[in-house]
Amino acid sequence: METNTRTGMRGLLSSHTSGYAGRVDDSLAFRIGGSNREHVIVRPTRRERPEASDYWDGNWVDATVKIAARAFRGEFEAQLRAEEFVGFRDQLRPLYEKLGGGAKFETMEGWLAIDIQGDGKGHFHAACVAVDQPGIGNRVTFGLDFDQTELPEILRGLDAICSAFPVVGKPQDGVTSAERSSTARPCHPGTSAPRSRKP
């Protein structure tokens, strides 16, 4: 496992092992890594703009990301998207049968990346990168190992999230997520400052 941070982490990581109070039901989360010392937990807390029916504005979801990387622990708030959970779940589902291959959780603004690869024998490695403020924030990289038996629980968590935060609307024709990402203005964690979403 590799943990890589810069000085002045704004409280993202700590070498202590104090716990964190849950903000919502634990079932509304997905967790990779069964060990208390090594895991990442992503727990959505609310839809950022619940009144919006537009695909680009209506699918932003505030979430708490909790990390345990051996001696390092921390949590931060991130702005993710509903379709990112759906895409990750749909990539993960075949891995239980195939054992090999991969799945990626990629976020439009770069808050969190999880790249899972299987060895074909039921063992999986997740290479993870977390950023506490995209573009200018601090970065932590770490790896998690798990096996085939943990996939059903991960998928149950993702199914619960996708049910609680379904994707609304449809993307505009001719506009890709990469183009949207290039125009999005990162929002400081814990604030509700508006972003530029539309072309």
N, C-alpha and C. Protein backbone atom coordinates (compact mmCIF):
# COMPACT_ATOMS: atom_id res chain seq x y z
N MET A 1 0.85 -1.20 0.00
CA MET A 1 0.00 0.00 0.00
C MET A 1 0.87 1.24 0.00
N GLU A 2 0.47 2.22 -0.77
CA GLU A 2 1.21 3.48 -0.81
C GLU A 2 0.28 4.59 -0.37
N THR A 3 0.74 5.42 0.54
CA THR A 3 -0.01 6.60 0.94
C THR A 3 0.84 7.82 0.65
N ASN A 4 0.30 8.78 -0.08
CA ASN A 4 1.08 9.91 -0.54
C ASN A 4 0.28 11.18 -0.30
N THR A 5 0.79 12.07 0.56
CA THR A 5 0.09 13.30 0.84
C THR A 5 1.06 14.46 0.76
N ARG A 6 0.50 15.70 0.72
CA ARG A 6 1.32 16.88 0.82
C ARG A 6 1.09 17.51 2.18
N THR A 7 2.06 18.30 2.63
CA THR A 7 1.93 18.98 3.91
C THR A 7 0.75 19.94 3.88
N GLY A 8 0.05 20.08 5.00
CA GLY A 8 -1.09 20.97 5.07
C GLY A 8 -2.33 20.32 4.51
N MET A 9 -2.67 19.12 4.95
CA MET A 9 -3.72 18.33 4.35
C MET A 9 -5.12 18.79 4.73
N ARG A 10 -5.26 19.86 5.49
CA ARG A 10 -6.57 20.40 5.86
C ARG A 10 -7.41 19.36 6.59
N GLY A 11 -6.74 18.49 7.38
CA GLY A 11 -7.47 17.55 8.20
C GLY A 11 -7.97 16.33 7.46
N LEU A 12 -7.57 16.16 6.19
CA LEU A 12 -8.04 14.99 5.46
C LEU A 12 -7.53 13.71 6.08
N LEU A 13 -6.25 13.68 6.45
CA LEU A 13 -5.68 12.47 7.01
C LEU A 13 -5.14 12.72 8.40
N SER A 14 -5.22 11.70 9.22
CA SER A 14 -4.67 11.74 10.56
C SER A 14 -4.04 10.40 10.85
N SER A 15 -2.98 10.40 11.65
CA SER A 15 -2.35 9.13 12.01
C SER A 15 -3.04 8.49 13.21
N HIS A 16 -4.12 9.10 13.70
CA HIS A 16 -4.86 8.53 14.82
C HIS A 16 -5.95 7.62 14.29
N THR A 17 -6.56 6.86 15.18
CA THR A 17 -7.56 5.88 14.78
C THR A 17 -8.93 6.18 15.37
N SER A 18 -9.23 7.43 15.62
CA SER A 18 -10.54 7.78 16.15
C SER A 18 -11.61 7.54 15.11
N GLY A 19 -12.84 7.17 15.56
CA GLY A 19 -13.92 6.86 14.63
C GLY A 19 -14.64 8.11 14.18
N TYR A 20 -15.58 7.93 13.26
CA TYR A 20 -16.37 9.03 12.75
C TYR A 20 -17.84 8.66 12.85
N ALA A 21 -18.64 9.64 13.27
CA ALA A 21 -20.08 9.38 13.41
C ALA A 21 -20.72 9.31 12.03
N GLY A 22 -21.55 8.30 11.80
CA GLY A 22 -22.25 8.18 10.53
C GLY A 22 -23.34 9.23 10.40
N ARG A 23 -23.51 9.74 9.17
CA ARG A 23 -24.50 10.80 8.95
C ARG A 23 -25.80 10.24 8.40
N VAL A 24 -25.74 9.08 7.74
CA VAL A 24 -26.95 8.45 7.23
C VAL A 24 -26.84 6.96 7.52
N ASP A 25 -27.90 6.24 7.18
CA ASP A 25 -27.91 4.80 7.36
C ASP A 25 -26.71 4.16 6.65
N ASP A 26 -26.02 3.26 7.33
CA ASP A 26 -24.85 2.62 6.76
C ASP A 26 -25.17 1.85 5.49
N SER A 27 -26.44 1.42 5.32
CA SER A 27 -26.79 0.67 4.13
C SER A 27 -26.71 1.52 2.88
N LEU A 28 -26.79 2.84 3.03
CA LEU A 28 -26.72 3.73 1.89
C LEU A 28 -25.28 4.17 1.69
N ALA A 29 -24.44 3.20 1.34
CA ALA A 29 -23.02 3.45 1.15
C ALA A 29 -22.43 2.24 0.45
N PHE A 30 -21.29 2.44 -0.17
CA PHE A 30 -20.53 1.27 -0.61
C PHE A 30 -19.15 1.34 0.02
N ARG A 31 -18.65 0.15 0.31
CA ARG A 31 -17.37 0.02 1.01
C ARG A 31 -16.50 -0.99 0.28
N ILE A 32 -15.25 -0.62 0.05
CA ILE A 32 -14.27 -1.53 -0.52
C ILE A 32 -13.18 -1.73 0.52
N GLY A 33 -12.92 -2.99 0.86
CA GLY A 33 -11.95 -3.31 1.89
C GLY A 33 -12.65 -3.70 3.17
N GLY A 34 -12.53 -4.95 3.58
CA GLY A 34 -13.24 -5.42 4.76
C GLY A 34 -12.54 -5.13 6.07
N SER A 35 -11.26 -4.81 6.01
CA SER A 35 -10.49 -4.56 7.22
C SER A 35 -10.80 -3.18 7.79
N ASN A 36 -10.81 -3.07 9.11
CA ASN A 36 -10.98 -1.76 9.74
C ASN A 36 -9.78 -0.86 9.48
N ARG A 37 -8.64 -1.45 9.13
CA ARG A 37 -7.42 -0.67 8.90
C ARG A 37 -7.29 -0.23 7.45
N GLU A 38 -7.98 -0.89 6.53
CA GLU A 38 -7.80 -0.60 5.11
C GLU A 38 -9.14 -0.66 4.39
N HIS A 39 -9.69 0.51 4.07
CA HIS A 39 -10.95 0.55 3.34
C HIS A 39 -11.22 1.96 2.82
N VAL A 40 -12.15 2.04 1.92
CA VAL A 40 -12.73 3.33 1.51
C VAL A 40 -14.24 3.16 1.53
N ILE A 41 -14.92 4.11 2.12
CA ILE A 41 -16.38 4.10 2.21
C ILE A 41 -16.91 5.37 1.57
N VAL A 42 -17.84 5.22 0.64
CA VAL A 42 -18.47 6.37 -0.01
C VAL A 42 -19.94 6.38 0.40
N ARG A 43 -20.35 7.45 1.08
CA ARG A 43 -21.70 7.53 1.64
C ARG A 43 -22.40 8.80 1.15
N PRO A 44 -23.29 8.69 0.17
CA PRO A 44 -24.06 9.87 -0.28
C PRO A 44 -24.94 10.39 0.85
N THR A 45 -25.06 11.72 0.91
CA THR A 45 -25.86 12.32 1.98
C THR A 45 -27.09 13.06 1.47
N ARG A 46 -26.99 13.67 0.29
CA ARG A 46 -28.15 14.39 -0.24
C ARG A 46 -27.92 14.74 -1.70
N ARG A 47 -29.01 14.96 -2.42
CA ARG A 47 -28.91 15.47 -3.78
C ARG A 47 -28.69 16.98 -3.69
N GLU A 48 -27.70 17.50 -4.38
CA GLU A 48 -27.33 18.90 -4.25
C GLU A 48 -28.45 19.83 -4.70
N ARG A 49 -29.12 19.48 -5.80
CA ARG A 49 -30.21 20.30 -6.32
C ARG A 49 -31.44 19.42 -6.55
N PRO A 50 -32.16 19.10 -5.49
CA PRO A 50 -33.27 18.15 -5.60
C PRO A 50 -34.41 18.63 -6.49
N GLU A 51 -34.49 19.94 -6.70
CA GLU A 51 -35.58 20.47 -7.53
C GLU A 51 -35.26 20.41 -9.01
N ALA A 52 -34.01 20.15 -9.37
CA ALA A 52 -33.59 20.20 -10.78
C ALA A 52 -33.95 18.91 -11.50
N SER A 53 -34.47 19.03 -12.72
CA SER A 53 -34.79 17.87 -13.54
C SER A 53 -33.83 17.73 -14.72
N ASP A 54 -32.95 18.71 -14.88
CA ASP A 54 -31.94 18.68 -15.94
C ASP A 54 -30.86 17.66 -15.59
N TYR A 55 -30.40 16.91 -16.61
CA TYR A 55 -29.41 15.86 -16.38
C TYR A 55 -28.15 16.40 -15.73
N TRP A 56 -27.63 17.52 -16.24
CA TRP A 56 -26.35 18.03 -15.75
C TRP A 56 -26.47 18.69 -14.38
N ASP A 57 -27.57 19.37 -14.12
CA ASP A 57 -27.74 20.04 -12.83
C ASP A 57 -28.37 19.12 -11.77
N GLY A 58 -29.21 18.19 -12.20
CA GLY A 58 -29.99 17.42 -11.25
C GLY A 58 -29.32 16.20 -10.67
N ASN A 59 -28.17 15.80 -11.17
CA ASN A 59 -27.56 14.56 -10.74
C ASN A 59 -26.35 14.72 -9.83
N TRP A 60 -26.10 15.94 -9.35
CA TRP A 60 -25.01 16.14 -8.39
C TRP A 60 -25.45 15.66 -7.01
N VAL A 61 -24.58 14.85 -6.39
CA VAL A 61 -24.88 14.25 -5.09
C VAL A 61 -23.75 14.55 -4.12
N ASP A 62 -24.07 15.14 -2.97
CA ASP A 62 -23.07 15.35 -1.93
C ASP A 62 -22.80 14.02 -1.23
N ALA A 63 -21.53 13.76 -0.94
CA ALA A 63 -21.18 12.48 -0.32
C ALA A 63 -20.02 12.67 0.65
N THR A 64 -19.97 11.81 1.63
CA THR A 64 -18.83 11.74 2.54
C THR A 64 -17.97 10.56 2.13
N VAL A 65 -16.68 10.81 1.96
CA VAL A 65 -15.73 9.76 1.62
C VAL A 65 -14.85 9.52 2.85
N LYS A 66 -14.82 8.30 3.30
CA LYS A 66 -14.05 7.93 4.48
C LYS A 66 -12.95 6.96 4.08
N ILE A 67 -11.73 7.24 4.51
CA ILE A 67 -10.57 6.45 4.11
C ILE A 67 -9.86 5.91 5.34
N ALA A 68 -9.45 4.65 5.27
CA ALA A 68 -8.53 4.07 6.23
C ALA A 68 -7.42 3.40 5.43
N ALA A 69 -6.19 3.90 5.60
CA ALA A 69 -5.04 3.37 4.88
C ALA A 69 -3.96 3.05 5.91
N ARG A 70 -4.14 1.92 6.59
CA ARG A 70 -3.26 1.52 7.68
C ARG A 70 -3.22 2.59 8.77
N ALA A 71 -2.08 3.27 8.95
CA ALA A 71 -1.97 4.24 10.04
C ALA A 71 -2.73 5.52 9.77
N PHE A 72 -3.16 5.74 8.51
CA PHE A 72 -3.79 7.00 8.14
C PHE A 72 -5.29 6.83 8.00
N ARG A 73 -6.03 7.79 8.59
CA ARG A 73 -7.49 7.78 8.50
C ARG A 73 -7.98 9.20 8.27
N GLY A 74 -9.09 9.31 7.60
CA GLY A 74 -9.66 10.64 7.40
C GLY A 74 -10.95 10.57 6.63
N GLU A 75 -11.62 11.70 6.52
CA GLU A 75 -12.83 11.79 5.71
C GLU A 75 -12.94 13.19 5.14
N PHE A 76 -13.65 13.30 4.04
CA PHE A 76 -13.87 14.60 3.41
C PHE A 76 -15.19 14.57 2.66
N GLU A 77 -15.69 15.75 2.35
CA GLU A 77 -16.93 15.88 1.60
C GLU A 77 -16.61 16.04 0.12
N ALA A 78 -17.38 15.37 -0.73
CA ALA A 78 -17.16 15.40 -2.17
C ALA A 78 -18.48 15.60 -2.89
N GLN A 79 -18.41 16.16 -4.09
CA GLN A 79 -19.58 16.32 -4.94
C GLN A 79 -19.45 15.33 -6.11
N LEU A 80 -20.27 14.29 -6.07
CA LEU A 80 -20.25 13.23 -7.06
C LEU A 80 -21.52 13.30 -7.91
N ARG A 81 -21.66 12.35 -8.83
CA ARG A 81 -22.82 12.35 -9.71
C ARG A 81 -23.52 10.99 -9.68
N ALA A 82 -24.85 11.01 -9.82
CA ALA A 82 -25.64 9.79 -9.74
C ALA A 82 -25.22 8.76 -10.78
N GLU A 83 -24.92 9.22 -12.01
CA GLU A 83 -24.57 8.26 -13.05
C GLU A 83 -23.21 7.60 -12.81
N GLU A 84 -22.37 8.22 -11.99
CA GLU A 84 -21.08 7.61 -11.68
C GLU A 84 -21.25 6.35 -10.84
N PHE A 85 -22.24 6.35 -9.94
CA PHE A 85 -22.52 5.15 -9.15
C PHE A 85 -23.09 4.05 -10.04
N VAL A 86 -23.98 4.42 -10.96
CA VAL A 86 -24.58 3.44 -11.87
C VAL A 86 -23.51 2.79 -12.74
N GLY A 87 -22.64 3.61 -13.31
CA GLY A 87 -21.60 3.08 -14.18
C GLY A 87 -20.66 2.13 -13.45
N PHE A 88 -20.31 2.48 -12.22
CA PHE A 88 -19.41 1.64 -11.43
C PHE A 88 -20.08 0.32 -11.10
N ARG A 89 -21.33 0.38 -10.68
CA ARG A 89 -22.07 -0.86 -10.36
C ARG A 89 -22.15 -1.78 -11.58
N ASP A 90 -22.46 -1.22 -12.74
CA ASP A 90 -22.62 -2.04 -13.93
C ASP A 90 -21.31 -2.66 -14.39
N GLN A 91 -20.19 -2.00 -14.12
CA GLN A 91 -18.89 -2.59 -14.44
C GLN A 91 -18.49 -3.68 -13.44
N LEU A 92 -18.88 -3.48 -12.19
CA LEU A 92 -18.51 -4.44 -11.14
C LEU A 92 -19.28 -5.75 -11.22
N ARG A 93 -20.53 -5.69 -11.63
CA ARG A 93 -21.41 -6.86 -11.53
C ARG A 93 -20.84 -8.09 -12.24
N PRO A 94 -20.29 -7.98 -13.46
CA PRO A 94 -19.78 -9.18 -14.14
C PRO A 94 -18.53 -9.77 -13.48
N LEU A 95 -17.83 -9.00 -12.64
CA LEU A 95 -16.57 -9.48 -12.08
C LEU A 95 -16.76 -10.66 -11.14
N TYR A 96 -17.94 -10.78 -10.54
CA TYR A 96 -18.17 -11.89 -9.62
C TYR A 96 -18.12 -13.23 -10.34
N GLU A 97 -18.59 -13.25 -11.58
CA GLU A 97 -18.56 -14.48 -12.36
C GLU A 97 -17.25 -14.63 -13.12
N LYS A 98 -16.72 -13.54 -13.67
CA LYS A 98 -15.53 -13.62 -14.52
C LYS A 98 -14.25 -13.69 -13.71
N LEU A 99 -14.25 -13.07 -12.51
CA LEU A 99 -13.10 -13.00 -11.61
C LEU A 99 -11.96 -12.13 -12.14
N GLY A 100 -11.81 -12.06 -13.45
CA GLY A 100 -10.80 -11.18 -14.04
C GLY A 100 -11.45 -9.92 -14.59
N GLY A 101 -10.63 -9.08 -15.21
CA GLY A 101 -11.15 -7.83 -15.76
C GLY A 101 -11.07 -6.71 -14.75
N GLY A 102 -11.75 -5.62 -15.06
CA GLY A 102 -11.65 -4.46 -14.18
C GLY A 102 -12.91 -3.62 -14.16
N ALA A 103 -12.93 -2.66 -13.24
CA ALA A 103 -14.02 -1.70 -13.09
C ALA A 103 -13.44 -0.42 -12.53
N LYS A 104 -13.98 0.71 -12.97
CA LYS A 104 -13.46 2.00 -12.52
C LYS A 104 -14.59 2.89 -12.02
N PHE A 105 -14.34 3.49 -10.86
CA PHE A 105 -15.20 4.57 -10.36
C PHE A 105 -14.45 5.86 -10.65
N GLU A 106 -14.96 6.63 -11.61
CA GLU A 106 -14.33 7.87 -12.02
C GLU A 106 -15.31 9.01 -11.83
N THR A 107 -14.85 10.11 -11.25
CA THR A 107 -15.74 11.23 -10.95
C THR A 107 -15.40 12.42 -11.84
N MET A 108 -16.45 13.13 -12.26
CA MET A 108 -16.28 14.19 -13.23
C MET A 108 -15.30 15.26 -12.77
N GLU A 109 -15.37 15.63 -11.50
CA GLU A 109 -14.52 16.70 -11.00
C GLU A 109 -13.23 16.20 -10.35
N GLY A 110 -13.03 14.88 -10.32
CA GLY A 110 -11.76 14.35 -9.85
C GLY A 110 -11.64 14.16 -8.36
N TRP A 111 -12.76 14.08 -7.64
CA TRP A 111 -12.68 13.90 -6.18
C TRP A 111 -12.12 12.54 -5.80
N LEU A 112 -12.53 11.51 -6.54
CA LEU A 112 -12.15 10.15 -6.16
C LEU A 112 -12.04 9.28 -7.40
N ALA A 113 -11.00 8.45 -7.45
CA ALA A 113 -10.85 7.46 -8.51
C ALA A 113 -10.53 6.12 -7.88
N ILE A 114 -11.26 5.08 -8.31
CA ILE A 114 -11.03 3.72 -7.84
C ILE A 114 -10.90 2.84 -9.07
N ASP A 115 -9.75 2.21 -9.23
CA ASP A 115 -9.48 1.35 -10.38
C ASP A 115 -9.27 -0.08 -9.87
N ILE A 116 -10.26 -0.94 -10.13
CA ILE A 116 -10.23 -2.31 -9.64
C ILE A 116 -9.81 -3.26 -10.75
N GLN A 117 -8.88 -4.14 -10.45
CA GLN A 117 -8.42 -5.15 -11.38
C GLN A 117 -8.41 -6.51 -10.69
N GLY A 118 -8.90 -7.54 -11.42
CA GLY A 118 -8.91 -8.90 -10.89
C GLY A 118 -7.84 -9.76 -11.52
N ASP A 119 -7.38 -10.77 -10.78
CA ASP A 119 -6.32 -11.63 -11.29
C ASP A 119 -6.84 -12.91 -11.93
N GLY A 120 -8.17 -13.05 -12.03
CA GLY A 120 -8.76 -14.24 -12.60
C GLY A 120 -8.91 -15.38 -11.63
N LYS A 121 -8.44 -15.22 -10.39
CA LYS A 121 -8.49 -16.27 -9.38
C LYS A 121 -9.34 -15.86 -8.17
N GLY A 122 -10.05 -14.74 -8.31
CA GLY A 122 -10.90 -14.29 -7.22
C GLY A 122 -10.29 -13.24 -6.33
N HIS A 123 -9.08 -12.78 -6.68
CA HIS A 123 -8.43 -11.73 -5.90
C HIS A 123 -8.48 -10.42 -6.69
N PHE A 124 -8.75 -9.33 -5.97
CA PHE A 124 -8.88 -8.02 -6.62
C PHE A 124 -8.01 -6.99 -5.90
N HIS A 125 -7.53 -6.04 -6.68
CA HIS A 125 -6.78 -4.91 -6.12
C HIS A 125 -7.44 -3.63 -6.60
N ALA A 126 -7.66 -2.70 -5.67
CA ALA A 126 -8.24 -1.39 -5.98
C ALA A 126 -7.17 -0.33 -5.78
N ALA A 127 -6.78 0.32 -6.86
CA ALA A 127 -5.85 1.46 -6.78
C ALA A 127 -6.69 2.72 -6.66
N CYS A 128 -6.50 3.47 -5.59
CA CYS A 128 -7.39 4.59 -5.26
C CYS A 128 -6.62 5.91 -5.18
N VAL A 129 -7.29 6.97 -5.62
CA VAL A 129 -6.76 8.33 -5.48
C VAL A 129 -7.90 9.21 -4.99
N ALA A 130 -7.67 9.94 -3.90
CA ALA A 130 -8.66 10.86 -3.35
C ALA A 130 -8.07 12.26 -3.29
N VAL A 131 -8.90 13.27 -3.60
CA VAL A 131 -8.47 14.66 -3.61
C VAL A 131 -9.48 15.47 -2.80
N ASP A 132 -8.99 16.27 -1.85
CA ASP A 132 -9.93 16.99 -0.98
C ASP A 132 -10.45 18.28 -1.60
N GLN A 133 -9.84 18.75 -2.68
CA GLN A 133 -10.36 19.90 -3.42
C GLN A 133 -9.77 19.84 -4.83
N PRO A 134 -10.56 19.38 -5.80
CA PRO A 134 -10.03 19.16 -7.15
C PRO A 134 -9.33 20.39 -7.72
N GLY A 135 -8.20 20.13 -8.36
CA GLY A 135 -7.45 21.19 -9.02
C GLY A 135 -6.39 21.82 -8.16
N ILE A 136 -6.70 22.11 -6.89
CA ILE A 136 -5.75 22.80 -6.03
C ILE A 136 -5.58 22.11 -4.68
N GLY A 137 -6.28 21.01 -4.45
CA GLY A 137 -6.27 20.39 -3.13
C GLY A 137 -5.16 19.39 -2.93
N ASN A 138 -5.25 18.69 -1.82
CA ASN A 138 -4.29 17.67 -1.45
C ASN A 138 -4.74 16.31 -1.97
N ARG A 139 -3.78 15.44 -2.19
CA ARG A 139 -4.04 14.15 -2.83
C ARG A 139 -3.48 13.02 -1.97
N VAL A 140 -4.26 11.95 -1.87
CA VAL A 140 -3.78 10.75 -1.20
C VAL A 140 -3.99 9.56 -2.13
N THR A 141 -2.96 8.74 -2.28
CA THR A 141 -3.05 7.53 -3.09
C THR A 141 -2.85 6.33 -2.18
N PHE A 142 -3.64 5.28 -2.41
CA PHE A 142 -3.55 4.10 -1.57
C PHE A 142 -4.14 2.91 -2.33
N GLY A 143 -3.82 1.72 -1.88
CA GLY A 143 -4.30 0.51 -2.52
C GLY A 143 -5.03 -0.39 -1.53
N LEU A 144 -6.03 -1.11 -2.03
CA LEU A 144 -6.83 -2.02 -1.21
C LEU A 144 -6.93 -3.37 -1.90
N ASP A 145 -6.74 -4.44 -1.14
CA ASP A 145 -6.89 -5.79 -1.66
C ASP A 145 -8.12 -6.44 -1.06
N PHE A 146 -8.89 -7.15 -1.89
CA PHE A 146 -10.06 -7.86 -1.40
C PHE A 146 -10.31 -9.04 -2.32
N ASP A 147 -11.31 -9.87 -1.97
CA ASP A 147 -11.55 -11.05 -2.79
C ASP A 147 -13.00 -11.09 -3.27
N GLN A 148 -13.29 -12.12 -4.03
CA GLN A 148 -14.58 -12.28 -4.69
C GLN A 148 -15.74 -12.24 -3.71
N THR A 149 -15.54 -12.75 -2.50
CA THR A 149 -16.64 -12.85 -1.54
C THR A 149 -17.15 -11.49 -1.08
N GLU A 150 -16.38 -10.43 -1.28
CA GLU A 150 -16.79 -9.10 -0.85
C GLU A 150 -17.61 -8.37 -1.91
N LEU A 151 -17.59 -8.86 -3.14
CA LEU A 151 -18.29 -8.17 -4.22
C LEU A 151 -19.80 -8.06 -4.00
N PRO A 152 -20.50 -9.11 -3.53
CA PRO A 152 -21.95 -8.97 -3.34
C PRO A 152 -22.32 -7.82 -2.40
N GLU A 153 -21.57 -7.63 -1.31
CA GLU A 153 -21.88 -6.54 -0.38
C GLU A 153 -21.61 -5.18 -1.02
N ILE A 154 -20.54 -5.08 -1.80
CA ILE A 154 -20.27 -3.82 -2.51
C ILE A 154 -21.41 -3.51 -3.47
N LEU A 155 -21.87 -4.53 -4.19
CA LEU A 155 -22.97 -4.34 -5.14
C LEU A 155 -24.27 -3.99 -4.45
N ARG A 156 -24.53 -4.59 -3.28
CA ARG A 156 -25.74 -4.24 -2.53
C ARG A 156 -25.72 -2.77 -2.14
N GLY A 157 -24.56 -2.28 -1.71
CA GLY A 157 -24.45 -0.87 -1.36
C GLY A 157 -24.69 0.03 -2.57
N LEU A 158 -24.13 -0.34 -3.70
CA LEU A 158 -24.32 0.46 -4.91
C LEU A 158 -25.76 0.41 -5.39
N ASP A 159 -26.41 -0.76 -5.28
CA ASP A 159 -27.82 -0.85 -5.65
C ASP A 159 -28.67 0.08 -4.78
N ALA A 160 -28.38 0.13 -3.47
CA ALA A 160 -29.13 1.00 -2.57
C ALA A 160 -28.94 2.46 -2.93
N ILE A 161 -27.70 2.83 -3.27
CA ILE A 161 -27.41 4.22 -3.66
C ILE A 161 -28.15 4.57 -4.95
N CYS A 162 -28.07 3.68 -5.94
CA CYS A 162 -28.72 3.95 -7.23
C CYS A 162 -30.23 4.05 -7.09
N SER A 163 -30.79 3.32 -6.14
CA SER A 163 -32.23 3.40 -5.90
C SER A 163 -32.60 4.70 -5.18
N ALA A 164 -31.78 5.11 -4.23
CA ALA A 164 -32.06 6.34 -3.47
C ALA A 164 -31.79 7.60 -4.29
N PHE A 165 -30.81 7.52 -5.21
CA PHE A 165 -30.44 8.68 -6.02
C PHE A 165 -30.45 8.29 -7.50
N PRO A 166 -31.64 8.03 -8.06
CA PRO A 166 -31.70 7.63 -9.47
C PRO A 166 -31.26 8.77 -10.39
N VAL A 167 -30.74 8.39 -11.54
CA VAL A 167 -30.34 9.38 -12.53
C VAL A 167 -31.57 10.06 -13.08
N VAL A 168 -31.55 11.39 -13.13
CA VAL A 168 -32.67 12.16 -13.68
C VAL A 168 -32.26 12.77 -15.01
N GLY A 169 -33.23 12.87 -15.94
CA GLY A 169 -32.98 13.49 -17.23
C GLY A 169 -32.06 12.66 -18.11
N LYS A 170 -31.69 13.24 -19.23
CA LYS A 170 -30.79 12.60 -20.18
C LYS A 170 -29.75 13.62 -20.62
N PRO A 171 -28.53 13.14 -20.91
CA PRO A 171 -27.50 14.09 -21.37
C PRO A 171 -27.88 14.70 -22.70
N GLN A 172 -27.44 15.93 -22.90
CA GLN A 172 -27.73 16.62 -24.16
C GLN A 172 -26.96 15.97 -25.29
N ASP A 173 -27.57 15.89 -26.45
CA ASP A 173 -26.91 15.31 -27.61
C ASP A 173 -25.67 16.12 -27.96
N GLY A 174 -24.57 15.40 -28.18
CA GLY A 174 -23.35 16.05 -28.64
C GLY A 174 -22.50 16.64 -27.55
N VAL A 175 -22.91 16.51 -26.28
CA VAL A 175 -22.11 17.04 -25.18
C VAL A 175 -21.62 15.86 -24.34
N THR A 176 -20.33 15.68 -24.25
CA THR A 176 -19.75 14.57 -23.49
C THR A 176 -19.47 14.99 -22.06
N SER A 177 -19.29 13.99 -21.19
CA SER A 177 -18.95 14.29 -19.79
C SER A 177 -17.60 14.99 -19.70
N ALA A 178 -16.67 14.66 -20.60
CA ALA A 178 -15.36 15.33 -20.58
C ALA A 178 -15.52 16.81 -20.88
N GLU A 179 -16.39 17.15 -21.83
CA GLU A 179 -16.63 18.55 -22.15
C GLU A 179 -17.30 19.26 -20.99
N ARG A 180 -18.21 18.55 -20.31
CA ARG A 180 -18.85 19.14 -19.15
C ARG A 180 -17.83 19.38 -18.04
N SER A 181 -16.93 18.41 -17.85
CA SER A 181 -15.92 18.54 -16.80
C SER A 181 -15.02 19.74 -17.04
N SER A 182 -14.72 20.03 -18.29
CA SER A 182 -13.82 21.13 -18.59
C SER A 182 -14.44 22.48 -18.30
N THR A 183 -15.79 22.53 -18.23
CA THR A 183 -16.45 23.80 -17.94
C THR A 183 -16.93 23.90 -16.51
N ALA A 184 -16.86 22.79 -15.76
CA ALA A 184 -17.34 22.81 -14.38
C ALA A 184 -16.34 23.55 -13.49
N ARG A 185 -16.85 24.37 -12.60
CA ARG A 185 -16.00 25.08 -11.65
C ARG A 185 -16.07 24.36 -10.33
N PRO A 186 -14.94 23.80 -9.83
CA PRO A 186 -14.98 23.04 -8.58
C PRO A 186 -15.53 23.88 -7.43
N CYS A 187 -16.29 23.24 -6.59
CA CYS A 187 -16.90 23.89 -5.43
C CYS A 187 -16.14 23.48 -4.19
N HIS A 188 -15.90 24.41 -3.29
CA HIS A 188 -15.20 24.07 -2.06
C HIS A 188 -16.01 23.06 -1.27
N PRO A 189 -15.36 22.03 -0.72
CA PRO A 189 -16.09 21.03 0.07
C PRO A 189 -16.87 21.69 1.19
N GLY A 190 -18.11 21.21 1.36
CA GLY A 190 -18.93 21.72 2.44
C GLY A 190 -19.67 23.00 2.12
N THR A 191 -19.54 23.50 0.89
CA THR A 191 -20.27 24.69 0.50
C THR A 191 -21.23 24.36 -0.60
N SER A 192 -22.14 25.27 -0.89
CA SER A 192 -23.12 25.05 -1.95
C SER A 192 -22.97 26.11 -3.04
N ALA A 193 -21.76 26.63 -3.22
CA ALA A 193 -21.55 27.62 -4.26
C ALA A 193 -21.88 27.04 -5.61
N PRO A 194 -22.62 27.77 -6.46
CA PRO A 194 -23.05 27.21 -7.73
C PRO A 194 -21.88 26.98 -8.68
N ARG A 195 -22.01 25.97 -9.54
CA ARG A 195 -21.06 25.70 -10.59
C ARG A 195 -21.68 26.08 -11.93
N SER A 196 -20.83 26.24 -12.92
CA SER A 196 -21.32 26.42 -14.26
C SER A 196 -21.52 25.06 -14.88
N ARG A 197 -22.76 24.67 -15.19
CA ARG A 197 -23.04 23.32 -15.65
C ARG A 197 -23.34 23.26 -17.14
N LYS A 198 -23.94 24.29 -17.69
CA LYS A 198 -24.42 24.20 -19.06
C LYS A 198 -23.45 24.87 -20.02
N PRO A 199 -23.39 24.35 -21.25
CA PRO A 199 -22.47 24.94 -22.22
C PRO A 199 -22.77 26.40 -22.46
